[in-house]
Amino acid sequence: MDTPVRARRFDLSQGEHTVELAPEHKAGLFLLNGELALSGTSMQKGDFALTEQEQNLAINASSDAVLFAIEAPDPAPYQTYAASRH
């Protein structure tokens, strides 16, 4: 099944990284392990962040880290659960 939604895992070593996201998408980011700063905002294991219309994320990992991302088009080309409830 084709879907415009993409799930990815990033295994990041300590240091600076740039992660490219799909254009015209929003992303939910969950830090599975480690500590990092995401565009200057500190995150620790278990933290969640949302991005909108960002294509490049600046990440500074203060330790090895595992980041999970789900990217979805913005606006969604399908009816979302939230839209179906209104």
Protein backbone atom coordinates (compact mmCIF):
# COMPACT_ATOMS: atom_id res chain seq x y z
CA MET A 1 0.00 0.00 0.00
CA ASP A 2 1.35 3.43 -0.96
CA THR A 3 1.28 6.03 1.76
CA PRO A 4 2.71 9.55 1.99
CA VAL A 5 3.56 8.90 5.65
CA ARG A 6 7.13 7.91 6.44
CA ALA A 7 8.59 6.45 9.64
CA ARG A 8 12.35 6.55 10.21
CA ARG A 9 14.86 5.77 12.93
CA PHE A 10 18.04 7.79 13.32
CA ASP A 11 20.94 6.26 15.24
CA LEU A 12 23.02 9.31 16.13
CA SER A 13 26.51 9.33 17.55
CA GLN A 14 27.59 12.06 19.96
CA GLY A 15 28.11 15.31 18.05
CA GLU A 16 26.41 17.56 15.51
CA HIS A 17 24.04 16.25 12.84
CA THR A 18 21.64 17.60 10.23
CA VAL A 19 18.56 15.51 9.46
CA GLU A 20 16.62 16.22 6.28
CA LEU A 21 12.85 15.89 6.44
CA ALA A 22 10.44 15.66 3.52
CA PRO A 23 9.32 19.05 2.17
CA GLU A 24 5.76 20.16 2.97
CA HIS A 25 5.50 17.67 5.83
CA LYS A 26 5.16 17.85 9.58
CA ALA A 27 7.00 15.42 11.81
CA GLY A 28 6.54 13.87 15.21
CA LEU A 29 9.89 13.11 16.84
CA PHE A 30 10.35 10.76 19.81
CA LEU A 31 13.70 10.36 21.54
CA LEU A 32 14.05 6.65 22.30
CA ASN A 33 17.46 6.91 23.95
CA GLY A 34 20.11 9.49 24.80
CA GLU A 35 20.13 13.26 25.13
CA LEU A 36 20.25 15.92 22.43
CA ALA A 37 19.40 19.46 21.49
CA LEU A 38 16.96 19.77 18.60
CA SER A 39 17.31 23.20 16.97
CA GLY A 40 18.48 24.48 20.37
CA THR A 41 15.74 22.78 22.47
CA SER A 42 16.99 20.14 24.91
CA MET A 43 15.48 16.66 24.74
CA GLN A 44 15.98 13.67 27.02
CA LYS A 45 14.97 10.03 26.66
CA GLY A 46 11.18 9.84 26.35
CA ASP A 47 10.66 13.41 25.08
CA PHE A 48 8.46 14.17 22.07
CA ALA A 49 8.59 17.13 19.68
CA LEU A 50 6.56 18.31 16.68
CA THR A 51 7.86 20.16 13.66
CA GLU A 52 5.97 21.88 10.87
CA GLN A 53 7.39 22.84 7.49
CA GLU A 54 11.01 22.28 8.57
CA GLN A 55 13.25 20.56 6.07
CA ASN A 56 16.53 20.52 7.99
CA LEU A 57 16.82 19.78 11.69
CA ALA A 58 19.98 20.82 13.49
CA ILE A 59 20.76 18.20 16.13
CA ASN A 60 23.53 18.28 18.71
CA ALA A 61 23.70 14.93 20.51
CA SER A 62 25.38 15.15 23.91
CA SER A 63 25.50 11.33 23.94
CA ASP A 64 24.72 8.57 21.47
CA ALA A 65 21.00 8.87 20.75
CA VAL A 66 18.16 7.13 18.93
CA LEU A 67 15.50 9.38 17.42
CA PHE A 68 12.28 8.06 15.86
CA ALA A 69 10.44 10.26 13.34
CA ILE A 70 7.04 9.98 11.69
CA GLU A 71 6.58 12.41 8.79
CA ALA A 72 3.17 13.20 7.28
CA PRO A 73 2.12 15.67 4.56
CA ASP A 74 0.84 19.04 5.75
CA PRO A 75 -2.00 19.36 4.99
CA ALA A 76 -2.84 15.66 4.90
CA PRO A 77 -4.22 14.41 1.54
CA TYR A 78 -6.56 12.08 3.46
CA GLN A 79 -9.11 12.53 6.22
CA THR A 80 -7.38 12.43 9.58
CA TYR A 81 -8.91 11.00 12.71
CA ALA A 82 -9.14 14.51 14.21
CA ALA A 83 -10.98 15.82 11.14
CA SER A 84 -13.43 12.92 11.26
CA ARG A 85 -14.44 13.86 14.82
CA HIS A 86 -15.71 17.36 13.86
